[in-house]
């Protein structure tokens, strides 16, 4: 049953009004920040909106704003026009949410806020960025380079604010969108002037069934045409990227730019041993840019460089902009150095592939790992585990990781939680008295057993380290 109340004055006005759904009846499921922003934007555009979240606490905010509540799993779908699903709500796997199943059974579209942005930003230039690892850094870097070149740009999506809370977009605006596989599953007609595909390794398989389902979701970034010529920037350092680049090169309307951090890419952009070579054959040393260190970041740099060149930004200006990029928190973030011990927050490393990059870059590591495992096969990280002096394991996956590490005789402590792990790692680093040891939080796991998200986990680590640096016991 719908619960209608008159809208109270002073309710926050959305920055983007969804005029494309005026007079339609739209159900919104999921009331996090993006879900509430979507409801506000739809209401502002004249839609009849009902919202729901399976968590009763989340429904309170909608009630506070006098937005109608209705459970989309049980409403009459004959009277609805579409379901807008928040990305965190299962669409297909492990089982469809009942609301998604009900909408589809009635032949009604199930979409996300990216689709609504597309419908109401027809004049803007849309840059979409996806991949298993590096998409936040690449999106932020593209946004930074464009702003450095005085090009009007906003950033949102999976990283940054919800897209419908952005400023109204004009024909002179570029919107840089980090796109997760969950978000790409929810597009219908949305298309991108520039589509960036960085890499693909096993992740989120519980939401896509298997690696092929995950790859299919990621490839949806190339699903729809937009204009006469679209640009595809594709990382070709894995088999999936190479195959997609070859496939897309055969299609009309796509200009494919290959980027790599380990091999030359004719007519593309590559970074080898820290030196970037662009399409004009010019070479730039990017190895000394701290927030962009490491081969994995060099692929991000190459991708951002390729996007910037589509705006005719000179290579020299792009290179200058990179030197002013401050990096993102929770991604190889140096929090402090206490005496000779470094403390690095890499909480964003929620899979083994991401953690392997941190292990490759650092030496004499006191490694804090664990959480909710996506996979515990450490083969990707094995070439760099010799950099680990000792592992401190936390969360659900501790026992599984311990079994893997004990096979290769890495010393292990079952710390249980992050507070204890940091305390024990610091104590051991002090006793060992190495020249430049590093206490590294790079969990190789999701955070949901002990924290709401990787940001909360990284923020907690940072607070503990800063407390320690101030002379307080952790």
Protein backbone atom coordinates (compact mmCIF):
# COMPACT_ATOMS: atom_id res chain seq x y z
CA UNK A 1 0.00 0.00 0.00
CA UNK A 2 1.28 3.45 -0.92
CA UNK A 3 1.78 5.89 1.93
CA UNK A 4 1.30 9.42 0.58
CA UNK A 5 1.89 12.55 2.55
CA UNK A 6 2.13 16.14 1.31
CA UNK A 7 5.67 17.19 0.48
CA UNK A 8 7.07 19.54 3.06
CA UNK A 9 8.66 22.78 1.97
CA UNK A 10 12.42 22.97 2.10
CA UNK A 11 13.04 19.41 0.90
CA UNK A 12 16.48 19.30 -0.81
CA UNK A 13 16.24 20.15 -4.51
CA UNK A 14 18.07 17.72 -6.81
CA UNK A 15 20.79 19.19 -8.96
CA UNK A 16 19.64 17.24 -12.04
CA UNK A 17 15.92 17.11 -12.74
CA UNK A 18 14.75 13.95 -14.55
CA UNK A 19 12.37 15.50 -17.06
CA UNK A 20 12.44 12.39 -19.24
CA UNK A 21 10.12 10.50 -16.87
CA UNK A 22 7.51 13.21 -16.32
CA UNK A 23 4.09 11.78 -15.44
CA UNK A 24 5.45 8.21 -15.30
CA UNK A 25 5.02 6.01 -12.25
CA UNK A 26 8.48 4.93 -11.13
CA UNK A 27 9.45 2.62 -8.28
CA UNK A 28 12.87 3.07 -6.69
CA UNK A 29 14.44 0.21 -4.72
CA UNK A 30 17.45 0.90 -2.50
CA UNK A 31 17.69 4.03 -0.38
CA UNK A 32 21.37 4.71 -0.02
CA UNK A 33 22.70 8.05 -1.21
CA UNK A 34 22.18 7.22 -4.89
CA UNK A 35 18.64 5.89 -4.32
CA UNK A 36 17.53 9.01 -2.45
CA UNK A 37 19.17 11.26 -5.04
CA UNK A 38 17.30 9.34 -7.74
CA UNK A 39 13.96 9.72 -5.98
CA UNK A 40 14.48 13.46 -5.54
CA UNK A 41 15.50 13.91 -9.18
CA UNK A 42 12.47 11.98 -10.43
CA UNK A 43 10.09 13.93 -8.22
CA UNK A 44 11.60 17.20 -9.40
CA UNK A 45 10.97 16.17 -13.00
CA UNK A 46 7.32 15.42 -12.41
CA UNK A 47 7.29 11.64 -12.01
CA UNK A 48 5.06 9.82 -9.54
CA UNK A 49 7.57 8.07 -7.31
CA UNK A 50 7.41 5.36 -4.69
CA UNK A 51 10.49 4.12 -2.88
CA UNK A 52 11.52 1.14 -0.78
CA UNK A 53 14.43 -0.43 1.02
CA UNK A 54 14.43 -3.80 2.73
CA UNK A 55 16.07 -2.12 5.73
CA UNK A 56 13.40 -0.30 7.76
CA UNK A 57 16.01 2.14 9.06
CA UNK A 58 16.77 3.22 5.49
CA UNK A 59 13.08 3.92 4.87
CA UNK A 60 13.03 6.51 7.66
CA UNK A 61 14.90 9.10 5.59
CA UNK A 62 12.32 8.82 2.81
CA UNK A 63 9.55 9.25 5.37
CA UNK A 64 11.36 12.30 6.75
CA UNK A 65 11.17 13.78 3.25
CA UNK A 66 7.56 12.66 2.82
CA UNK A 67 8.34 10.46 -0.17
CA UNK A 68 5.78 7.71 -0.78
CA UNK A 69 6.73 4.22 0.38
CA UNK A 70 5.67 1.08 -1.48
CA UNK A 71 7.23 -2.37 -1.67
CA UNK A 72 7.97 -2.96 -5.38
CA UNK A 73 7.90 -6.71 -4.83
CA UNK A 74 4.16 -6.56 -4.13
CA UNK A 75 2.79 -3.49 -5.97
CA UNK A 76 0.65 -3.73 -9.12
CA UNK A 77 3.20 -3.63 -11.91
CA UNK A 78 0.52 -3.03 -14.52
CA UNK A 79 0.39 0.54 -13.17
CA UNK A 80 4.16 1.09 -13.10
CA UNK A 81 6.46 2.26 -15.87
CA UNK A 82 9.89 1.23 -14.57
CA UNK A 83 11.92 0.03 -11.61
CA UNK A 84 15.05 1.98 -10.74
CA UNK A 85 17.35 -0.39 -8.89
CA UNK A 86 20.27 0.65 -6.74
CA UNK A 87 23.47 -1.15 -7.85
CA UNK A 88 23.82 -3.05 -4.58
CA UNK A 89 20.50 -4.89 -5.07
CA UNK A 90 20.84 -8.28 -6.84
CA UNK A 91 19.54 -8.22 -10.40
CA UNK A 92 20.24 -11.80 -11.47
CA UNK A 93 22.59 -13.56 -9.04
CA UNK A 94 22.72 -15.25 -6.64
CA UNK A 95 18.95 -14.86 -7.11
CA UNK A 96 17.05 -11.86 -8.46
CA UNK A 97 15.53 -9.57 -5.88
CA UNK A 98 11.76 -10.23 -5.83
CA UNK A 99 11.09 -6.68 -7.01
CA UNK A 100 13.36 -7.11 -10.03
CA UNK A 101 11.71 -10.42 -10.83
CA UNK A 102 8.23 -8.89 -10.53
CA UNK A 103 9.08 -5.95 -12.78
CA UNK A 104 10.60 -8.14 -15.46
CA UNK A 105 7.75 -10.61 -15.31
CA UNK A 106 5.44 -7.69 -16.13
CA UNK A 107 7.65 -6.59 -19.01
CA UNK A 108 8.76 -3.41 -17.27
CA UNK A 109 12.35 -2.15 -17.56
CA UNK A 110 14.76 -2.43 -14.65
CA UNK A 111 17.29 0.40 -14.90
CA UNK A 112 19.73 2.42 -12.80
CA UNK A 113 20.54 6.07 -12.26
CA UNK A 114 23.13 6.04 -15.06
CA UNK A 115 20.29 5.45 -17.53
CA UNK A 116 18.37 8.42 -16.12
CA UNK A 117 21.46 10.63 -16.33
CA UNK A 118 21.89 9.67 -19.98
CA UNK A 119 18.27 10.55 -20.74
CA UNK A 120 18.70 14.01 -19.24
CA UNK A 121 22.23 14.89 -20.36
CA UNK A 122 21.88 14.61 -24.10
CA UNK A 123 24.18 17.53 -24.81
CA UNK A 124 26.97 16.58 -22.43
CA UNK A 125 30.01 14.48 -23.24
CA UNK A 126 30.01 11.26 -21.24
CA UNK A 127 33.21 9.41 -20.39
CA UNK A 128 32.63 5.97 -18.85
CA UNK A 129 35.38 4.07 -17.05
CA UNK A 130 35.23 0.43 -15.99
CA UNK A 131 37.55 -2.44 -15.09
CA UNK A 132 38.22 -4.68 -12.13
CA UNK A 133 41.05 -2.57 -10.72
CA UNK A 134 42.10 1.04 -11.19
CA UNK A 135 38.83 2.57 -12.31
CA UNK A 136 38.58 5.06 -9.43
CA UNK A 137 42.13 6.31 -9.92
CA UNK A 138 41.68 6.49 -13.69
CA UNK A 139 38.37 8.34 -13.39
CA UNK A 140 39.82 10.82 -10.90
CA UNK A 141 42.89 11.28 -13.06
CA UNK A 142 40.83 11.97 -16.20
CA UNK A 143 38.76 14.50 -14.25
CA UNK A 144 41.93 16.12 -12.89
CA UNK A 145 43.60 16.42 -16.31
CA UNK A 146 40.46 17.93 -17.88
CA UNK A 147 40.13 20.49 -15.10
CA UNK A 148 43.86 21.29 -15.36
CA UNK A 149 43.21 22.07 -19.05
CA UNK A 150 40.25 24.34 -18.11
CA UNK A 151 37.65 21.94 -19.51
CA UNK A 152 34.39 21.92 -17.53
CA UNK A 153 34.07 18.46 -16.01
CA UNK A 154 32.25 16.67 -13.24
CA UNK A 155 32.81 13.23 -11.78
CA UNK A 156 30.36 10.76 -10.28
CA UNK A 157 28.96 7.25 -10.34
CA UNK A 158 30.62 4.44 -8.45
CA UNK A 159 33.21 7.00 -7.30
CA UNK A 160 32.19 10.46 -6.18
CA UNK A 161 28.67 11.78 -5.69
CA UNK A 162 25.54 10.07 -7.06
CA UNK A 163 25.19 11.09 -10.69
CA UNK A 164 21.78 12.71 -10.27
CA UNK A 165 23.13 15.01 -7.55
CA UNK A 166 25.64 16.55 -9.96
CA UNK A 167 25.24 20.09 -11.24
CA UNK A 168 22.95 20.46 -14.27
CA UNK A 169 24.92 19.45 -17.35
CA UNK A 170 25.32 21.62 -20.43
CA UNK A 171 26.67 20.93 -23.90
CA UNK A 172 30.06 22.19 -22.72
CA UNK A 173 30.15 19.78 -19.79
CA UNK A 174 32.00 16.48 -19.57
CA UNK A 175 30.78 13.95 -17.02
CA UNK A 176 33.36 11.34 -16.02
CA UNK A 177 31.62 8.22 -14.72
CA UNK A 178 33.22 5.37 -12.86
CA UNK A 179 31.03 2.39 -13.75
CA UNK A 180 30.86 -0.84 -11.79
CA UNK A 181 29.63 -4.06 -13.32
CA UNK A 182 26.48 -3.67 -11.20
CA UNK A 183 25.79 -0.27 -12.75
CA UNK A 184 26.49 -1.48 -16.27
CA UNK A 185 23.99 -4.30 -15.78
CA UNK A 186 21.36 -1.60 -15.30
CA UNK A 187 21.84 0.40 -18.50
CA UNK A 188 19.49 0.06 -21.45
CA UNK A 189 20.12 2.82 -23.98
CA UNK A 190 22.89 4.68 -22.13
CA UNK A 191 25.99 5.22 -24.24
CA UNK A 192 29.34 6.94 -23.82
CA UNK A 193 31.34 9.21 -26.09
CA UNK A 194 34.50 7.71 -24.60
CA UNK A 195 34.40 4.25 -23.04
CA UNK A 196 37.41 3.04 -21.02
CA UNK A 197 37.94 -0.66 -20.23
CA UNK A 198 41.03 -1.14 -18.07
CA UNK A 199 41.33 -4.82 -17.14
CA UNK A 200 39.40 -7.83 -15.97
CA UNK A 201 40.24 -10.37 -13.28
CA UNK A 202 37.85 -12.54 -11.22
CA UNK A 203 35.71 -10.39 -8.92
CA UNK A 204 32.05 -10.13 -7.88
CA UNK A 205 31.41 -13.59 -9.28
CA UNK A 206 28.61 -14.16 -6.76
CA UNK A 207 26.70 -11.33 -8.51
CA UNK A 208 27.37 -12.46 -12.07
CA UNK A 209 27.43 -16.24 -11.81
CA UNK A 210 30.90 -16.76 -13.24
CA UNK A 211 33.77 -14.93 -14.93
CA UNK A 212 31.97 -14.95 -18.28
CA UNK A 213 28.92 -13.27 -16.74
CA UNK A 214 31.19 -10.70 -15.12
CA UNK A 215 32.96 -10.02 -18.42
CA UNK A 216 29.61 -9.71 -20.21
CA UNK A 217 28.49 -7.07 -17.71
CA UNK A 218 31.70 -5.08 -18.14
CA UNK A 219 31.42 -5.18 -21.95
CA UNK A 220 28.06 -3.42 -21.74
CA UNK A 221 30.01 -0.16 -21.62
CA UNK A 222 30.32 -0.62 -25.41
CA UNK A 223 26.69 -1.70 -25.83
CA UNK A 224 25.11 1.35 -27.48
CA UNK A 225 26.10 3.83 -30.20
CA UNK A 226 26.38 7.55 -29.49
CA UNK A 227 27.14 9.83 -32.40
CA UNK A 228 29.08 9.02 -35.53
CA UNK A 229 32.34 8.11 -33.78
CA UNK A 230 32.98 6.83 -30.29
CA UNK A 231 36.35 6.26 -28.67
CA UNK A 232 37.20 3.02 -26.88
CA UNK A 233 40.29 3.10 -24.66
CA UNK A 234 41.14 -0.50 -23.84
CA UNK A 235 43.82 -1.98 -21.62
CA UNK A 236 45.38 -4.93 -23.43
CA UNK A 237 47.45 -6.39 -20.61
CA UNK A 238 45.06 -9.31 -20.12
CA UNK A 239 43.34 -11.70 -22.51
CA UNK A 240 39.91 -10.14 -22.03
CA UNK A 241 41.13 -6.68 -23.00
CA UNK A 242 42.99 -8.00 -26.03
CA UNK A 243 39.90 -9.86 -27.23
CA UNK A 244 37.59 -6.88 -26.72
CA UNK A 245 40.00 -4.55 -28.55
CA UNK A 246 40.14 -6.92 -31.52
CA UNK A 247 36.38 -7.37 -31.57
CA UNK A 248 35.60 -3.67 -31.34
CA UNK A 249 38.16 -2.78 -34.00
CA UNK A 250 35.99 -4.65 -36.50
CA UNK A 251 32.91 -2.57 -35.70
CA UNK A 252 32.01 0.65 -37.47
CA UNK A 253 31.80 3.81 -35.39
CA UNK A 254 34.55 2.92 -32.89
CA UNK A 255 38.04 4.37 -32.70
CA UNK A 256 39.98 1.87 -30.57
CA UNK A 257 43.02 3.09 -28.62
CA UNK A 258 45.01 0.32 -26.96
CA UNK A 259 46.92 1.08 -23.75
CA UNK A 260 49.44 -1.05 -21.91
CA UNK A 261 51.86 -1.02 -18.99
CA UNK A 262 54.03 -3.85 -20.27
CA UNK A 263 54.05 -4.01 -24.08
CA UNK A 264 54.33 -1.66 -27.03
CA UNK A 265 50.99 -0.72 -28.56
CA UNK A 266 51.24 0.50 -32.17
CA UNK A 267 49.03 3.57 -32.59
CA UNK A 268 48.26 3.35 -28.87
CA UNK A 269 49.87 4.47 -25.62
CA UNK A 270 52.16 2.39 -23.47
CA UNK A 271 54.31 2.74 -20.38
CA UNK A 272 57.36 0.51 -20.13
CA UNK A 273 59.76 0.76 -17.20
CA UNK A 274 58.14 4.02 -16.18
CA UNK A 275 58.42 5.77 -19.55
CA UNK A 276 55.20 6.64 -21.36
CA UNK A 277 55.21 6.75 -25.13
CA UNK A 278 52.24 8.47 -26.72
CA UNK A 279 50.74 8.21 -30.20
CA UNK A 280 53.11 10.86 -31.53
CA UNK A 281 56.14 8.93 -30.35
CA UNK A 282 56.91 11.38 -27.55
CA UNK A 283 58.30 9.90 -24.33
CA UNK A 284 57.65 11.04 -20.75
CA UNK A 285 59.01 9.72 -17.46
CA UNK A 286 56.08 8.97 -15.14
CA UNK A 287 57.96 6.68 -12.75
CA UNK A 288 58.67 9.41 -10.18
CA UNK A 289 55.03 10.49 -9.68
CA UNK A 290 54.39 9.15 -6.15
CA UNK A 291 50.60 8.67 -6.22
CA UNK A 292 50.91 6.94 -9.60
CA UNK A 293 53.77 4.58 -8.88
CA UNK A 294 53.71 0.99 -10.03
CA UNK A 295 52.86 -0.84 -13.23
CA UNK A 296 49.15 -1.01 -12.38
CA UNK A 297 49.02 2.77 -12.07
CA UNK A 298 50.96 3.18 -15.30
CA UNK A 299 48.08 1.54 -17.13
CA UNK A 300 45.77 4.05 -15.43
CA UNK A 301 48.04 6.88 -16.58
CA UNK A 302 48.09 5.59 -20.16
CA UNK A 303 44.29 5.36 -20.21
CA UNK A 304 43.81 8.88 -18.82
CA UNK A 305 46.39 10.17 -21.30
CA UNK A 306 44.49 8.57 -24.18
CA UNK A 307 41.22 10.17 -23.07
CA UNK A 308 42.87 13.59 -22.68
CA UNK A 309 44.29 13.42 -26.19
CA UNK A 310 40.76 13.03 -27.58
CA UNK A 311 40.20 16.56 -26.24
CA UNK A 312 43.31 17.76 -28.11
CA UNK A 313 45.10 18.52 -24.84
CA UNK A 314 48.80 18.60 -25.61
CA UNK A 315 51.04 15.85 -24.31
CA UNK A 316 53.12 18.45 -22.47
CA UNK A 317 50.07 19.78 -20.63
CA UNK A 318 48.95 16.26 -19.72
CA UNK A 319 52.41 15.53 -18.33
CA UNK A 320 52.32 18.74 -16.29
CA UNK A 321 48.90 17.87 -14.88
CA UNK A 322 50.06 14.44 -13.71
CA UNK A 323 52.64 16.05 -11.45
CA UNK A 324 49.87 17.90 -9.58
CA UNK A 325 47.69 14.81 -9.00
CA UNK A 326 47.51 14.07 -5.28
CA UNK A 327 46.12 10.55 -5.53
CA UNK A 328 43.16 8.95 -3.77
CA UNK A 329 42.81 7.75 -0.18
CA UNK A 330 42.95 4.03 0.60
CA UNK A 331 45.10 3.30 -2.44
CA UNK A 332 48.73 2.87 -1.42
CA UNK A 333 48.22 5.91 0.80
CA UNK A 334 51.23 6.63 2.99
CA UNK A 335 49.64 7.57 6.31
CA UNK A 336 52.76 8.22 8.40
CA UNK A 337 56.32 7.24 9.07
CA UNK A 338 57.06 6.59 12.72
CA UNK A 339 60.81 6.48 13.30
CA UNK A 340 61.85 4.28 10.38
CA UNK A 341 58.56 2.36 10.00
CA UNK A 342 56.19 3.32 7.20
CA UNK A 343 52.41 2.80 7.47
CA UNK A 344 50.51 2.35 4.21
CA UNK A 345 46.72 2.25 3.81
CA UNK A 346 45.73 0.15 0.80
CA UNK A 347 42.25 -0.76 2.04
CA UNK A 348 40.83 -0.45 -1.49
CA UNK A 349 42.72 -3.65 -2.39
CA UNK A 350 39.71 -5.93 -1.99
CA UNK A 351 41.02 -8.74 -4.21
CA UNK A 352 44.28 -10.62 -4.62
CA UNK A 353 45.17 -8.94 -7.91
CA UNK A 354 44.99 -5.48 -6.31
CA UNK A 355 47.05 -6.57 -3.30
CA UNK A 356 49.72 -8.06 -5.55
CA UNK A 357 50.50 -4.55 -6.84
CA UNK A 358 51.21 -3.31 -3.32
CA UNK A 359 53.37 -6.33 -2.49
CA UNK A 360 55.37 -5.76 -5.67
CA UNK A 361 56.15 -2.14 -4.80
CA UNK A 362 57.22 -2.50 -1.17
CA UNK A 363 59.88 -4.42 0.77
CA UNK A 364 60.10 -5.75 4.33
CA UNK A 365 56.33 -5.80 4.65
CA UNK A 366 54.37 -6.48 7.82
CA UNK A 367 51.17 -7.36 6.00
CA UNK A 368 47.65 -6.98 7.42
CA UNK A 369 45.21 -9.04 5.34
CA UNK A 370 41.79 -10.63 5.55
CA UNK A 371 38.09 -9.92 5.61
CA UNK A 372 35.45 -11.46 3.36
CA UNK A 373 37.23 -13.50 0.72
CA UNK A 374 36.42 -13.12 -2.95
CA UNK A 375 39.05 -15.76 -3.72
CA UNK A 376 41.95 -17.02 -1.65
CA UNK A 377 44.12 -18.29 -4.48
CA UNK A 378 47.32 -16.34 -3.88
CA UNK A 379 48.97 -17.34 -7.14
CA UNK A 380 48.73 -13.80 -8.52
CA UNK A 381 50.62 -12.43 -5.53
CA UNK A 382 53.10 -15.30 -5.17
CA UNK A 383 55.99 -13.64 -7.07
CA UNK A 384 55.96 -10.87 -4.46
CA UNK A 385 55.25 -12.72 -1.23
CA UNK A 386 58.97 -12.90 -0.60
CA UNK A 387 58.62 -9.19 0.27
CA UNK A 388 56.46 -10.15 3.27
CA UNK A 389 58.19 -10.58 6.63
CA UNK A 390 55.06 -11.52 8.55
CA UNK A 391 51.29 -11.63 7.93
CA UNK A 392 48.64 -10.51 10.44
CA UNK A 393 45.26 -11.95 9.56
CA UNK A 394 41.84 -10.55 10.37
CA UNK A 395 38.23 -11.36 9.64
CA UNK A 396 36.38 -14.33 8.15
CA UNK A 397 39.06 -15.38 5.68
CA UNK A 398 41.93 -15.53 8.19
CA UNK A 399 42.07 -19.30 8.41
CA UNK A 400 41.91 -19.81 4.64
CA UNK A 401 44.67 -17.27 4.01
CA UNK A 402 46.78 -18.81 6.78
CA UNK A 403 46.62 -22.22 5.09
CA UNK A 404 47.83 -20.69 1.83
CA UNK A 405 50.67 -18.76 3.47
CA UNK A 406 51.83 -21.66 5.60
CA UNK A 407 52.44 -23.66 2.40
CA UNK A 408 55.17 -21.18 1.50
CA UNK A 409 56.34 -20.64 5.08
CA UNK A 410 55.24 -17.04 5.56
CA UNK A 411 54.99 -16.43 9.35
CA UNK A 412 51.39 -15.84 10.35
CA UNK A 413 49.65 -14.30 13.36
CA UNK A 414 45.88 -14.67 13.79
CA UNK A 415 45.17 -11.13 14.98
CA UNK A 416 41.41 -11.25 14.58
CA UNK A 417 40.74 -7.53 14.17
CA UNK A 418 42.46 -4.50 12.72
CA UNK A 419 43.25 -2.87 16.07
CA UNK A 420 45.13 -5.96 17.23
CA UNK A 421 46.80 -6.52 13.87
CA UNK A 422 48.25 -3.02 13.75
CA UNK A 423 49.47 -3.26 17.33
CA UNK A 424 51.17 -6.61 16.69
CA UNK A 425 52.65 -5.58 13.34
CA UNK A 426 54.11 -2.40 14.80
CA UNK A 427 55.58 -4.26 17.77
CA UNK A 428 57.27 -6.83 15.52
CA UNK A 429 58.63 -4.16 13.19
CA UNK A 430 60.16 -2.35 16.15
CA UNK A 431 61.83 -5.53 17.44
CA UNK A 432 63.16 -6.56 14.02
CA UNK A 433 64.72 -3.09 13.56
CA UNK A 434 65.03 -3.23 9.76
CA UNK A 435 66.15 -0.14 7.83
CA UNK A 436 62.80 0.70 6.15
CA UNK A 437 60.01 -1.68 7.10
CA UNK A 438 56.39 -1.08 6.12
CA UNK A 439 53.20 -1.96 7.97
CA UNK A 440 50.80 -2.48 5.08
CA UNK A 441 47.02 -2.79 5.20
CA UNK A 442 46.21 -4.43 1.87
CA UNK A 443 43.50 -6.94 2.76
CA UNK A 444 42.93 -8.81 -0.54
CA UNK A 445 39.37 -9.18 0.77
CA UNK A 446 36.16 -7.23 1.08
CA UNK A 447 35.43 -5.51 4.37
CA UNK A 448 31.85 -6.44 5.12
CA UNK A 449 32.48 -8.78 8.04
CA UNK A 450 33.88 -6.04 10.28
CA UNK A 451 33.29 -2.75 8.42
CA UNK A 452 30.60 -1.19 6.25
CA UNK A 453 32.99 -0.67 3.34
CA UNK A 454 36.66 -0.37 2.48
CA UNK A 455 36.59 3.38 3.21
CA UNK A 456 35.52 2.81 6.80
CA UNK A 457 38.23 0.16 7.18
CA UNK A 458 40.89 2.47 5.76
CA UNK A 459 39.73 5.43 7.83
CA UNK A 460 39.97 3.34 10.99
CA UNK A 461 43.48 2.22 10.08
CA UNK A 462 44.47 5.83 9.47
CA UNK A 463 43.09 6.96 12.83
CA UNK A 464 44.96 4.20 14.63
CA UNK A 465 48.23 5.08 12.89
CA UNK A 466 47.88 8.81 13.55
CA UNK A 467 47.12 8.07 17.20
CA UNK A 468 50.26 5.98 17.34
CA UNK A 469 52.25 8.74 15.66
CA UNK A 470 50.99 11.21 18.26
CA UNK A 471 52.48 9.04 20.99
CA UNK A 472 49.33 7.26 22.05
CA UNK A 473 48.91 3.53 22.45
CA UNK A 474 46.89 1.98 19.60
